PDB file of N, CA and C in Angstrom:
ATOM      1  N   MET A   1     131.246-217.194 -23.336  1.00  0.00           N
ATOM      2  CA  MET A   1     131.428-218.290 -22.416  1.00  0.00           C
ATOM      3  C   MET A   1     132.875-218.758 -22.508  1.00  0.00           C
ATOM      4  N   SER A   2     133.447-219.022 -21.378  1.00  0.00           N
ATOM      5  CA  SER A   2     134.845-219.438 -21.344  1.00  0.00           C
ATOM      6  C   SER A   2     135.026-220.800 -22.006  1.00  0.00           C
ATOM      7  N   THR A   3     136.254-221.049 -22.439  1.00  0.00           N
ATOM      8  CA  THR A   3     136.517-222.277 -23.166  1.00  0.00           C
ATOM      9  C   THR A   3     137.050-223.417 -22.300  1.00  0.00           C
ATOM     10  N   THR A   4     137.269-223.192 -21.000  1.00  0.00           N
ATOM     11  CA  THR A   4     137.749-224.303 -20.182  1.00  0.00           C
ATOM     12  C   THR A   4     136.595-225.231 -19.838  1.00  0.00           C
ATOM     13  N   PHE A   5     136.932-226.493 -19.681  1.00  0.00           N
ATOM     14  CA  PHE A   5     135.927-227.489 -19.332  1.00  0.00           C
ATOM     15  C   PHE A   5     135.175-227.073 -18.070  1.00  0.00           C
ATOM     16  N   GLY A   6     135.925-226.703 -17.045  1.00  0.00           N
ATOM     17  CA  GLY A   6     135.309-226.339 -15.770  1.00  0.00           C
ATOM     18  C   GLY A   6     134.360-225.165 -15.875  1.00  0.00           C
ATOM     19  N   ASN A   7     134.770-224.140 -16.600  1.00  0.00           N
ATOM     20  CA  ASN A   7     133.898-222.971 -16.746  1.00  0.00           C
ATOM     21  C   ASN A   7     132.649-223.296 -17.551  1.00  0.00           C
ATOM     22  N   ARG A   8     132.818-224.098 -18.586  1.00  0.00           N
ATOM     23  CA  ARG A   8     131.644-224.507 -19.368  1.00  0.00           C
ATOM     24  C   ARG A   8     130.698-225.337 -18.505  1.00  0.00           C
ATOM     25  N   LEU A   9     131.271-226.256 -17.743  1.00  0.00           N
ATOM     26  CA  LEU A   9     130.470-227.095 -16.862  1.00  0.00           C
ATOM     27  C   LEU A   9     129.674-226.234 -15.879  1.00  0.00           C
ATOM     28  N   LYS A  10     130.362-225.310 -15.230  1.00  0.00           N
ATOM     29  CA  LYS A  10     129.698-224.462 -14.237  1.00  0.00           C
ATOM     30  C   LYS A  10     128.627-223.582 -14.882  1.00  0.00           C
ATOM     31  N   ASN A  11     128.942-222.988 -16.022  1.00  0.00           N
ATOM     32  CA  ASN A  11     127.981-222.104 -16.683  1.00  0.00           C
ATOM     33  C   ASN A  11     126.719-222.850 -17.096  1.00  0.00           C
ATOM     34  N   ILE A  12     126.887-224.032 -17.662  1.00  0.00           N
ATOM     35  CA  ILE A  12     125.721-224.812 -18.084  1.00  0.00           C
ATOM     36  C   ILE A  12     124.922-225.273 -16.878  1.00  0.00           C
ATOM     37  N   ARG A  13     125.605-225.753 -15.857  1.00  0.00           N
ATOM     38  CA  ARG A  13     124.906-226.198 -14.647  1.00  0.00           C
ATOM     39  C   ARG A  13     124.108-225.059 -14.037  1.00  0.00           C
ATOM     40  N   THR A  14     124.725-223.882 -13.952  1.00  0.00           N
ATOM     41  CA  THR A  14     124.063-222.716 -13.385  1.00  0.00           C
ATOM     42  C   THR A  14     122.889-222.275 -14.249  1.00  0.00           C
ATOM     43  N   GLU A  15     123.109-222.253 -15.564  1.00  0.00           N
ATOM     44  CA  GLU A  15     122.045-221.856 -16.493  1.00  0.00           C
ATOM     45  C   GLU A  15     120.827-222.768 -16.374  1.00  0.00           C
ATOM     46  N   LYS A  16     121.064-224.033 -16.122  1.00  0.00           N
ATOM     47  CA  LYS A  16     119.969-224.995 -16.011  1.00  0.00           C
ATOM     48  C   LYS A  16     119.430-225.104 -14.579  1.00  0.00           C
ATOM     49  N   ASN A  17     119.947-224.250 -13.687  1.00  0.00           N
ATOM     50  CA  ASN A  17     119.517-224.231 -12.284  1.00  0.00           C
ATOM     51  C   ASN A  17     119.647-225.593 -11.612  1.00  0.00           C
ATOM     52  N   ILE A  18     120.782-226.241 -11.849  1.00  0.00           N
ATOM     53  CA  ILE A  18     121.059-227.534 -11.228  1.00  0.00           C
ATOM     54  C   ILE A  18     122.113-227.308 -10.153  1.00  0.00           C
ATOM     55  N   LYS A  19     121.825-227.762  -8.956  1.00  0.00           N
ATOM     56  CA  LYS A  19     122.783-227.643  -7.855  1.00  0.00           C
ATOM     57  C   LYS A  19     123.906-228.651  -8.049  1.00  0.00           C
ATOM     58  N   ARG A  20     125.067-228.314  -7.506  1.00  0.00           N
ATOM     59  CA  ARG A  20     126.206-229.237  -7.579  1.00  0.00           C
ATOM     60  C   ARG A  20     125.833-230.599  -7.000  1.00  0.00           C
ATOM     61  N   GLU A  21     125.133-230.560  -5.873  1.00  0.00           N
ATOM     62  CA  GLU A  21     124.746-231.802  -5.210  1.00  0.00           C
ATOM     63  C   GLU A  21     123.871-232.662  -6.118  1.00  0.00           C
ATOM     64  N   ASP A  22     122.946-232.012  -6.808  1.00  0.00           N
ATOM     65  CA  ASP A  22     122.044-232.744  -7.694  1.00  0.00           C
ATOM     66  C   ASP A  22     122.793-233.332  -8.890  1.00  0.00           C
ATOM     67  N   LEU A  23     123.690-232.546  -9.466  1.00  0.00           N
ATOM     68  CA  LEU A  23     124.477-233.043 -10.591  1.00  0.00           C
ATOM     69  C   LEU A  23     125.356-234.208 -10.142  1.00  0.00           C
ATOM     70  N   ALA A  24     125.961-234.061  -8.974  1.00  0.00           N
ATOM     71  CA  ALA A  24     126.804-235.132  -8.438  1.00  0.00           C
ATOM     72  C   ALA A  24     125.987-236.406  -8.256  1.00  0.00           C
ATOM     73  N   SER A  25     124.789-236.266  -7.736  1.00  0.00           N
ATOM     74  CA  SER A  25     123.913-237.419  -7.534  1.00  0.00           C
ATOM     75  C   SER A  25     123.552-238.082  -8.860  1.00  0.00           C
ATOM     76  N   MET A  26     123.339-237.266  -9.890  1.00  0.00           N
ATOM     77  CA  MET A  26     122.972-237.795 -11.213  1.00  0.00           C
ATOM     78  C   MET A  26     124.052-238.695 -11.793  1.00  0.00           C
ATOM     79  N   ILE A  27     125.316-238.359 -11.495  1.00  0.00           N
ATOM     80  CA  ILE A  27     126.407-239.129 -12.112  1.00  0.00           C
ATOM     81  C   ILE A  27     127.151-240.022 -11.116  1.00  0.00           C
ATOM     82  N   GLY A  28     126.699-240.024  -9.870  1.00  0.00           N
ATOM     83  CA  GLY A  28     127.286-240.922  -8.887  1.00  0.00           C
ATOM     84  C   GLY A  28     128.608-240.469  -8.312  1.00  0.00           C
ATOM     85  N   THR A  29     128.711-239.187  -8.005  1.00  0.00           N
ATOM     86  CA  THR A  29     129.930-238.668  -7.379  1.00  0.00           C
ATOM     87  C   THR A  29     129.528-237.671  -6.298  1.00  0.00           C
ATOM     88  N   SER A  30     130.474-236.905  -5.793  1.00  0.00           N
ATOM     89  CA  SER A  30     130.179-235.930  -4.735  1.00  0.00           C
ATOM     90  C   SER A  30     130.176-234.510  -5.304  1.00  0.00           C
ATOM     91  N   SER A  31     129.516-233.625  -4.575  1.00  0.00           N
ATOM     92  CA  SER A  31     129.493-232.220  -4.997  1.00  0.00           C
ATOM     93  C   SER A  31     130.892-231.606  -4.915  1.00  0.00           C
ATOM     94  N   ALA A  32     131.728-232.103  -3.998  1.00  0.00           N
ATOM     95  CA  ALA A  32     133.104-231.596  -3.891  1.00  0.00           C
ATOM     96  C   ALA A  32     133.883-231.886  -5.171  1.00  0.00           C
ATOM     97  N   ILE A  33     133.663-233.067  -5.741  1.00  0.00           N
ATOM     98  CA  ILE A  33     134.345-233.422  -6.996  1.00  0.00           C
ATOM     99  C   ILE A  33     133.845-232.522  -8.126  1.00  0.00           C
ATOM    100  N   ILE A  34     132.540-232.289  -8.172  1.00  0.00           N
ATOM    101  CA  ILE A  34     131.989-231.381  -9.199  1.00  0.00           C
ATOM    102  C   ILE A  34     132.632-230.010  -9.048  1.00  0.00           C
ATOM    103  N   GLY A  35     132.784-229.536  -7.821  1.00  0.00           N
ATOM    104  CA  GLY A  35     133.435-228.252  -7.568  1.00  0.00           C
ATOM    105  C   GLY A  35     134.864-228.224  -8.079  1.00  0.00           C
ATOM    106  N   ARG A  36     135.583-229.314  -7.887  1.00  0.00           N
ATOM    107  CA  ARG A  36     136.968-229.386  -8.385  1.00  0.00           C
ATOM    108  C   ARG A  36     137.010-229.344  -9.905  1.00  0.00           C
ATOM    109  N   TYR A  37     136.055-230.018 -10.543  1.00  0.00           N
ATOM    110  CA  TYR A  37     135.981-229.954 -12.011  1.00  0.00           C
ATOM    111  C   TYR A  37     135.706-228.518 -12.455  1.00  0.00           C
ATOM    112  N   GLU A  38     134.764-227.863 -11.773  1.00  0.00           N
ATOM    113  CA  GLU A  38     134.379-226.501 -12.167  1.00  0.00           C
ATOM    114  C   GLU A  38     135.508-225.499 -11.949  1.00  0.00           C
ATOM    115  N   ARG A  39     136.342-225.734 -10.966  1.00  0.00           N
ATOM    116  CA  ARG A  39     137.487-224.836 -10.703  1.00  0.00           C
ATOM    117  C   ARG A  39     138.722-225.253 -11.488  1.00  0.00           C
ATOM    118  N   ASN A  40     138.579-226.259 -12.329  1.00  0.00           N
ATOM    119  CA  ASN A  40     139.679-226.774 -13.147  1.00  0.00           C
ATOM    120  C   ASN A  40     140.838-227.288 -12.301  1.00  0.00           C
ATOM    121  N   GLU A  41     140.517-227.745 -11.095  1.00  0.00           N
ATOM    122  CA  GLU A  41     141.535-228.352 -10.239  1.00  0.00           C
ATOM    123  C   GLU A  41     141.728-229.828 -10.586  1.00  0.00           C
ATOM    124  N   ARG A  42     140.729-230.377 -11.224  1.00  0.00           N
ATOM    125  CA  ARG A  42     140.744-231.780 -11.595  1.00  0.00           C
ATOM    126  C   ARG A  42     140.079-231.935 -12.953  1.00  0.00           C
ATOM    127  N   THR A  43     140.540-232.899 -13.729  1.00  0.00           N
ATOM    128  CA  THR A  43     139.950-233.182 -15.036  1.00  0.00           C
ATOM    129  C   THR A  43     139.259-234.539 -14.962  1.00  0.00           C
ATOM    130  N   PRO A  44     137.989-234.588 -15.359  1.00  0.00           N
ATOM    131  CA  PRO A  44     137.284-235.866 -15.280  1.00  0.00           C
ATOM    132  C   PRO A  44     137.769-236.846 -16.348  1.00  0.00           C
ATOM    133  N   SER A  45     137.572-238.118 -16.074  1.00  0.00           N
ATOM    134  CA  SER A  45     137.852-239.136 -17.088  1.00  0.00           C
ATOM    135  C   SER A  45     136.850-238.941 -18.221  1.00  0.00           C
ATOM    136  N   ILE A  46     137.110-239.561 -19.351  1.00  0.00           N
ATOM    137  CA  ILE A  46     136.207-239.432 -20.488  1.00  0.00           C
ATOM    138  C   ILE A  46     134.821-239.977 -20.140  1.00  0.00           C
ATOM    139  N   ASP A  47     134.770-241.053 -19.357  1.00  0.00           N
ATOM    140  CA  ASP A  47     133.473-241.615 -18.960  1.00  0.00           C
ATOM    141  C   ASP A  47     132.691-240.654 -18.069  1.00  0.00           C
ATOM    142  N   ILE A  48     133.377-240.027 -17.129  1.00  0.00           N
ATOM    143  CA  ILE A  48     132.709-239.057 -16.250  1.00  0.00           C
ATOM    144  C   ILE A  48     132.274-237.832 -17.055  1.00  0.00           C
ATOM    145  N   ALA A  49     133.125-237.361 -17.946  1.00  0.00           N
ATOM    146  CA  ALA A  49     132.762-236.204 -18.783  1.00  0.00           C
ATOM    147  C   ALA A  49     131.533-236.531 -19.633  1.00  0.00           C
ATOM    148  N   LYS A  50     131.487-237.736 -20.159  1.00  0.00           N
ATOM    149  CA  LYS A  50     130.329-238.159 -20.953  1.00  0.00           C
ATOM    150  C   LYS A  50     129.072-238.170 -20.082  1.00  0.00           C
ATOM    151  N   ASN A  51     129.191-238.696 -18.872  1.00  0.00           N
ATOM    152  CA  ASN A  51     128.050-238.715 -17.954  1.00  0.00           C
ATOM    153  C   ASN A  51     127.591-237.302 -17.597  1.00  0.00           C
ATOM    154  N   LEU A  52     128.552-236.394 -17.406  1.00  0.00           N
ATOM    155  CA  LEU A  52     128.209-235.000 -17.119  1.00  0.00           C
ATOM    156  C   LEU A  52     127.443-234.387 -18.288  1.00  0.00           C
ATOM    157  N   ALA A  53     127.933-234.621 -19.500  1.00  0.00           N
ATOM    158  CA  ALA A  53     127.260-234.089 -20.690  1.00  0.00           C
ATOM    159  C   ALA A  53     125.845-234.635 -20.802  1.00  0.00           C
ATOM    160  N   GLN A  54     125.684-235.930 -20.553  1.00  0.00           N
ATOM    161  CA  GLN A  54     124.345-236.524 -20.626  1.00  0.00           C
ATOM    162  C   GLN A  54     123.435-235.957 -19.549  1.00  0.00           C
ATOM    163  N   ALA A  55     123.940-235.810 -18.345  1.00  0.00           N
ATOM    164  CA  ALA A  55     123.133-235.276 -17.246  1.00  0.00           C
ATOM    165  C   ALA A  55     122.703-233.836 -17.520  1.00  0.00           C
ATOM    166  N   LEU A  56     123.578-233.077 -18.173  1.00  0.00           N
ATOM    167  CA  LEU A  56     123.272-231.671 -18.483  1.00  0.00           C
ATOM    168  C   LEU A  56     122.576-231.508 -19.831  1.00  0.00           C
ATOM    169  N   ASN A  57     122.442-232.607 -20.560  1.00  0.00           N
ATOM    170  CA  ASN A  57     121.779-232.612 -21.864  1.00  0.00           C
ATOM    171  C   ASN A  57     122.475-231.685 -22.858  1.00  0.00           C
ATOM    172  N   VAL A  58     123.811-231.780 -22.878  1.00  0.00           N
ATOM    173  CA  VAL A  58     124.622-231.045 -23.848  1.00  0.00           C
ATOM    174  C   VAL A  58     125.571-232.036 -24.505  1.00  0.00           C
ATOM    175  N   SER A  59     126.228-231.598 -25.560  1.00  0.00           N
ATOM    176  CA  SER A  59     127.175-232.496 -26.219  1.00  0.00           C
ATOM    177  C   SER A  59     128.502-232.515 -25.468  1.00  0.00           C
ATOM    178  N   LEU A  60     129.154-233.655 -25.531  1.00  0.00           N
ATOM    179  CA  LEU A  60     130.486-233.775 -24.935  1.00  0.00           C
ATOM    180  C   LEU A  60     131.459-232.834 -25.648  1.00  0.00           C
ATOM    181  N   ASP A  61     131.286-232.662 -26.953  1.00  0.00           N
ATOM    182  CA  ASP A  61     132.125-231.723 -27.706  1.00  0.00           C
ATOM    183  C   ASP A  61     132.041-230.327 -27.119  1.00  0.00           C
ATOM    184  N   PHE A  62     130.838-229.910 -26.740  1.00  0.00           N
ATOM    185  CA  PHE A  62     130.687-228.578 -26.167  1.00  0.00           C
ATOM    186  C   PHE A  62     131.434-228.472 -24.847  1.00  0.00           C
ATOM    187  N   LEU A  63     131.238-229.430 -23.953  1.00  0.00           N
ATOM    188  CA  LEU A  63     131.926-229.384 -22.658  1.00  0.00           C
ATOM    189  C   LEU A  63     133.435-229.419 -22.820  1.00  0.00           C
ATOM    190  N   ALA A  64     133.898-230.189 -23.792  1.00  0.00           N
ATOM    191  CA  ALA A  64     135.342-230.325 -24.003  1.00  0.00           C
ATOM    192  C   ALA A  64     135.943-229.129 -24.726  1.00  0.00           C
ATOM    193  N   GLY A  65     135.112-228.249 -25.245  1.00  0.00           N
ATOM    194  CA  GLY A  65     135.622-227.064 -25.925  1.00  0.00           C
ATOM    195  C   GLY A  65     135.899-227.264 -27.392  1.00  0.00           C
ATOM    196  N   ASP A  66     135.406-228.380 -27.952  1.00  0.00           N
ATOM    197  CA  ASP A  66     135.645-228.641 -29.373  1.00  0.00           C
ATOM    198  C   ASP A  66     134.670-227.922 -30.287  1.00  0.00           C
ATOM    199  N   THR A  67     133.690-227.271 -29.706  1.00  0.00           N
ATOM    200  CA  THR A  67     132.739-226.496 -30.492  1.00  0.00           C
ATOM    201  C   THR A  67     132.306-225.294 -29.678  1.00  0.00           C
ATOM    202  N   SER A  68     132.056-224.210 -30.340  1.00  0.00           N
ATOM    203  CA  SER A  68     131.577-223.016 -29.634  1.00  0.00           C
ATOM    204  C   SER A  68     130.063-222.944 -29.659  1.00  0.00           C
ATOM    205  N   VAL A  69     129.447-223.870 -30.373  1.00  0.00           N
ATOM    206  CA  VAL A  69     127.996-223.874 -30.490  1.00  0.00           C
ATOM    207  C   VAL A  69     127.427-224.872 -29.506  1.00  0.00           C
ATOM    208  N   LEU A  70     126.545-224.395 -28.674  1.00  0.00           N
ATOM    209  CA  LEU A  70     125.875-225.258 -27.722  1.00  0.00           C
ATOM    210  C   LEU A  70     124.544-225.682 -28.303  1.00  0.00           C
ATOM    211  N   VAL A  71     124.420-226.967 -28.554  1.00  0.00           N
ATOM    212  CA  VAL A  71     123.136-227.493 -28.991  1.00  0.00           C
ATOM    213  C   VAL A  71     122.400-227.873 -27.714  1.00  0.00           C
ATOM    214  N   LYS A  72     121.505-226.992 -27.298  1.00  0.00           N
ATOM    215  CA  LYS A  72     120.788-227.212 -26.047  1.00  0.00           C
ATOM    216  C   LYS A  72     119.698-228.255 -26.201  1.00  0.00           C
ATOM    217  N   ASP A  73     119.225-228.409 -27.395  1.00  0.00           N
ATOM    218  CA  ASP A  73     118.112-229.310 -27.643  1.00  0.00           C
ATOM    219  C   ASP A  73     118.631-230.558 -28.350  1.00  0.00           C
ATOM    220  N   LYS A  74     118.580-231.686 -27.657  1.00  0.00           N
ATOM    221  CA  LYS A  74     119.081-232.927 -28.246  1.00  0.00           C
ATOM    222  C   LYS A  74     118.290-233.317 -29.488  1.00  0.00           C
ATOM    223  N   GLU A  75     117.019-232.882 -29.584  1.00  0.00           N
ATOM    224  CA  GLU A  75     116.226-233.174 -30.781  1.00  0.00           C
ATOM    225  C   GLU A  75     116.824-232.480 -32.001  1.00  0.00           C
ATOM    226  N   VAL A  76     117.353-231.289 -31.822  1.00  0.00           N
ATOM    227  CA  VAL A  76     118.005-230.579 -32.923  1.00  0.00           C
ATOM    228  C   VAL A  76     119.240-231.355 -33.370  1.00  0.00           C
ATOM    229  N   LEU A  77     120.016-231.804 -32.402  1.00  0.00           N
ATOM    230  CA  LEU A  77     121.213-232.579 -32.723  1.00  0.00           C
ATOM    231  C   LEU A  77     120.847-233.864 -33.462  1.00  0.00           C
ATOM    232  N   GLN A  78     119.773-234.526 -33.030  1.00  0.00           N
ATOM    233  CA  GLN A  78     119.338-235.746 -33.699  1.00  0.00           C
ATOM    234  C   GLN A  78     118.899-235.440 -35.134  1.00  0.00           C
ATOM    235  N   ARG A  79     118.230-234.326 -35.328  1.00  0.00           N
ATOM    236  CA  ARG A  79     117.811-233.950 -36.684  1.00  0.00           C
ATOM    237  C   ARG A  79     119.021-233.691 -37.579  1.00  0.00           C
ATOM    238  N   ILE A  80     120.031-233.055 -37.031  1.00  0.00           N
ATOM    239  CA  ILE A  80     121.244-232.799 -37.817  1.00  0.00           C
ATOM    240  C   ILE A  80     121.879-234.120 -38.222  1.00  0.00           C
ATOM    241  N   GLU A  81     121.939-235.057 -37.290  1.00  0.00           N
ATOM    242  CA  GLU A  81     122.499-236.371 -37.608  1.00  0.00           C
ATOM    243  C   GLU A  81     121.660-237.079 -38.669  1.00  0.00           C
ATOM    244  N   ASP A  82     120.326-236.975 -38.548  1.00  0.00           N
ATOM    245  CA  ASP A  82     119.438-237.600 -39.534  1.00  0.00           C
ATOM    246  C   ASP A  82     119.626-236.988 -40.920  1.00  0.00           C
ATOM    247  N   ILE A  83     119.766-235.682 -40.975  1.00  0.00           N
ATOM    248  CA  ILE A  83     119.975-235.001 -42.262  1.00  0.00           C
ATOM    249  C   ILE A  83     121.278-235.475 -42.899  1.00  0.00           C
ATOM    250  N   SER A  84     122.300-235.666 -42.099  1.00  0.00           N
ATOM    251  CA  SER A  84     123.595-236.084 -42.658  1.00  0.00           C
ATOM    252  C   SER A  84     123.518-237.460 -43.318  1.00  0.00           C
ATOM    253  N   ASN A  85     122.506-238.239 -42.988  1.00  0.00           N
ATOM    254  CA  ASN A  85     122.345-239.570 -43.573  1.00  0.00           C
ATOM    255  C   ASN A  85     121.459-239.593 -44.820  1.00  0.00           C
ATOM    256  N   LEU A  86     120.915-238.440 -45.191  1.00  0.00           N
ATOM    257  CA  LEU A  86     120.049-238.371 -46.366  1.00  0.00           C
ATOM    258  C   LEU A  86     120.868-238.377 -47.661  1.00  0.00           C
ATOM    259  N   SER A  87     120.162-238.598 -48.762  1.00  0.00           N
ATOM    260  CA  SER A  87     120.813-238.511 -50.072  1.00  0.00           C
ATOM    261  C   SER A  87     121.222-237.056 -50.310  1.00  0.00           C
ATOM    262  N   GLU A  88     122.177-236.864 -51.207  1.00  0.00           N
ATOM    263  CA  GLU A  88     122.655-235.513 -51.512  1.00  0.00           C
ATOM    264  C   GLU A  88     121.515-234.627 -52.023  1.00  0.00           C
ATOM    265  N   GLU A  89     120.630-235.200 -52.804  1.00  0.00           N
ATOM    266  CA  GLU A  89     119.498-234.439 -53.352  1.00  0.00           C
ATOM    267  C   GLU A  89     118.579-233.935 -52.237  1.00  0.00           C
ATOM    268  N   LYS A  90     118.269-234.802 -51.284  1.00  0.00           N
ATOM    269  CA  LYS A  90     117.395-234.399 -50.172  1.00  0.00           C
ATOM    270  C   LYS A  90     118.095-233.408 -49.256  1.00  0.00           C
ATOM    271  N   LYS A  91     119.394-233.601 -49.036  1.00  0.00           N
ATOM    272  CA  LYS A  91     120.150-232.641 -48.218  1.00  0.00           C
ATOM    273  C   LYS A  91     120.126-231.265 -48.861  1.00  0.00           C
ATOM    274  N   LYS A  92     120.331-231.213 -50.175  1.00  0.00           N
ATOM    275  CA  LYS A  92     120.321-229.934 -50.885  1.00  0.00           C
ATOM    276  C   LYS A  92     118.966-229.252 -50.726  1.00  0.00           C
ATOM    277  N   TYR A  93     117.899-230.004 -50.835  1.00  0.00           N
ATOM    278  CA  TYR A  93     116.549-229.454 -50.686  1.00  0.00           C
ATOM    279  C   TYR A  93     116.377-228.841 -49.292  1.00  0.00           C
ATOM    280  N   ILE A  94     116.781-229.579 -48.271  1.00  0.00           N
ATOM    281  CA  ILE A  94     116.654-229.088 -46.893  1.00  0.00           C
ATOM    282  C   ILE A  94     117.525-227.856 -46.666  1.00  0.00           C
ATOM    283  N   PHE A  95     118.773-227.894 -47.152  1.00  0.00           N
ATOM    284  CA  PHE A  95     119.671-226.755 -46.965  1.00  0.00           C
ATOM    285  C   PHE A  95     119.185-225.526 -47.714  1.00  0.00           C
ATOM    286  N   ASP A  96     118.627-225.720 -48.909  1.00  0.00           N
ATOM    287  CA  ASP A  96     118.053-224.587 -49.655  1.00  0.00           C
ATOM    288  C   ASP A  96     116.914-223.950 -48.869  1.00  0.00           C
ATOM    289  N   PHE A  97     116.083-224.783 -48.263  1.00  0.00           N
ATOM    290  CA  PHE A  97     114.965-224.277 -47.479  1.00  0.00           C
ATOM    291  C   PHE A  97     115.464-223.526 -46.239  1.00  0.00           C
ATOM    292  N   ILE A  98     116.434-224.101 -45.549  1.00  0.00           N
ATOM    293  CA  ILE A  98     117.013-223.439 -44.368  1.00  0.00           C
ATOM    294  C   ILE A  98     117.641-222.110 -44.767  1.00  0.00           C
ATOM    295  N   ASP A  99     118.395-222.099 -45.861  1.00  0.00           N
ATOM    296  CA  ASP A  99     119.028-220.865 -46.337  1.00  0.00           C
ATOM    297  C   ASP A  99     117.985-219.793 -46.639  1.00  0.00           C
ATOM    298  N   MET A 100     116.871-220.212 -47.258  1.00  0.00           N
ATOM    299  CA  MET A 100     115.798-219.266 -47.564  1.00  0.00           C
ATOM    300  C   MET A 100     115.226-218.667 -46.278  1.00  0.00           C
ATOM    301  N   CYS A 101     114.973-219.500 -45.291  1.00  0.00           N
ATOM    302  CA  CYS A 101     114.425-219.017 -44.024  1.00  0.00           C
ATOM    303  C   CYS A 101     115.390-218.071 -43.322  1.00  0.00           C
ATOM    304  N   LEU A 102     116.662-218.425 -43.306  1.00  0.00           N
ATOM    305  CA  LEU A 102     117.665-217.566 -42.671  1.00  0.00           C
ATOM    306  C   LEU A 102     117.787-216.226 -43.386  1.00  0.00           C
ATOM    307  N   ARG A 103     117.800-216.268 -44.715  1.00  0.00           N
ATOM    308  CA  ARG A 103     117.878-215.041 -45.502  1.00  0.00           C
ATOM    309  C   ARG A 103     116.683-214.138 -45.214  1.00  0.00           C
ATOM    310  N   ASP A 104     115.477-214.730 -45.186  1.00  0.00           N
ATOM    311  CA  ASP A 104     114.268-213.947 -44.918  1.00  0.00           C
ATOM    312  C   ASP A 104     114.301-213.337 -43.523  1.00  0.00           C
ATOM    313  N   ASP A 105     114.783-214.099 -42.557  1.00  0.00           N
ATOM    314  CA  ASP A 105     114.863-213.581 -41.195  1.00  0.00           C
ATOM    315  C   ASP A 105     115.859-212.433 -41.103  1.00  0.00           C
ATOM    316  N   LYS A 106     117.002-212.564 -41.762  1.00  0.00           N
ATOM    317  CA  LYS A 106     117.994-211.480 -41.748  1.00  0.00           C
ATOM    318  C   LYS A 106     117.445-210.234 -42.417  1.00  0.00           C
ATOM    319  N   THR A 107     116.687-210.419 -43.472  1.00  0.00           N
ATOM    320  CA  THR A 107     116.072-209.270 -44.153  1.00  0.00           C
ATOM    321  C   THR A 107     115.075-208.584 -43.230  1.00  0.00           C
ATOM    322  N   GLN A 108     114.260-209.366 -42.554  1.00  0.00           N
ATOM    323  CA  GLN A 108     113.292-208.792 -41.607  1.00  0.00           C
ATOM    324  C   GLN A 108     113.992-208.054 -40.477  1.00  0.00           C
ATOM    325  N   GLN A 109     115.073-208.622 -39.970  1.00  0.00           N
ATOM    326  CA  GLN A 109     115.826-207.977 -38.893  1.00  0.00           C
ATOM    327  C   GLN A 109     116.431-206.650 -39.347  1.00  0.00           C
ATOM    328  N   ALA A 110     116.845-206.579 -40.590  1.00  0.00           N
ATOM    329  CA  ALA A 110     117.461-205.366 -41.121  1.00  0.00           C
ATOM    330  C   ALA A 110     116.467-204.220 -41.217  1.00  0.00           C
ATOM    331  N   TYR A 111     115.193-204.534 -41.373  1.00  0.00           N
ATOM    332  CA  TYR A 111     114.165-203.502 -41.533  1.00  0.00           C
ATOM    333  C   TYR A 111     113.391-203.203 -40.270  1.00  0.00           C
ATOM    334  N   LYS A 112     113.813-203.727 -39.147  1.00  0.00           N
ATOM    335  CA  LYS A 112     113.133-203.439 -37.859  1.00  0.00           C
ATOM    336  C   LYS A 112     113.626-202.158 -37.269  1.00  0.00           C
TER     337      LYS A 112
END
């Protein structure tokens, strides 16, 4: 996926089967403006970019290109935030469990 704001915006909108007109309606603008953002002819204000991210249910960091990982599920993002607030002992327990699951999955994939 391209790293420009416009390309990310267009790719996510297309992937979610949202028309420009519908996205524009969600954030209170026109489809022509959405098109300009997608073609990188115009850069949205931070407030508009935030509204776009919320409407598409993605992180603003992803749209802005600050991360290559798209957290498509806001519940996953909320869980990550919740984990970051746990005690170090509980975080270690959760990370050990995640590491075990990932290791087991990689092992299974290697033997397929």
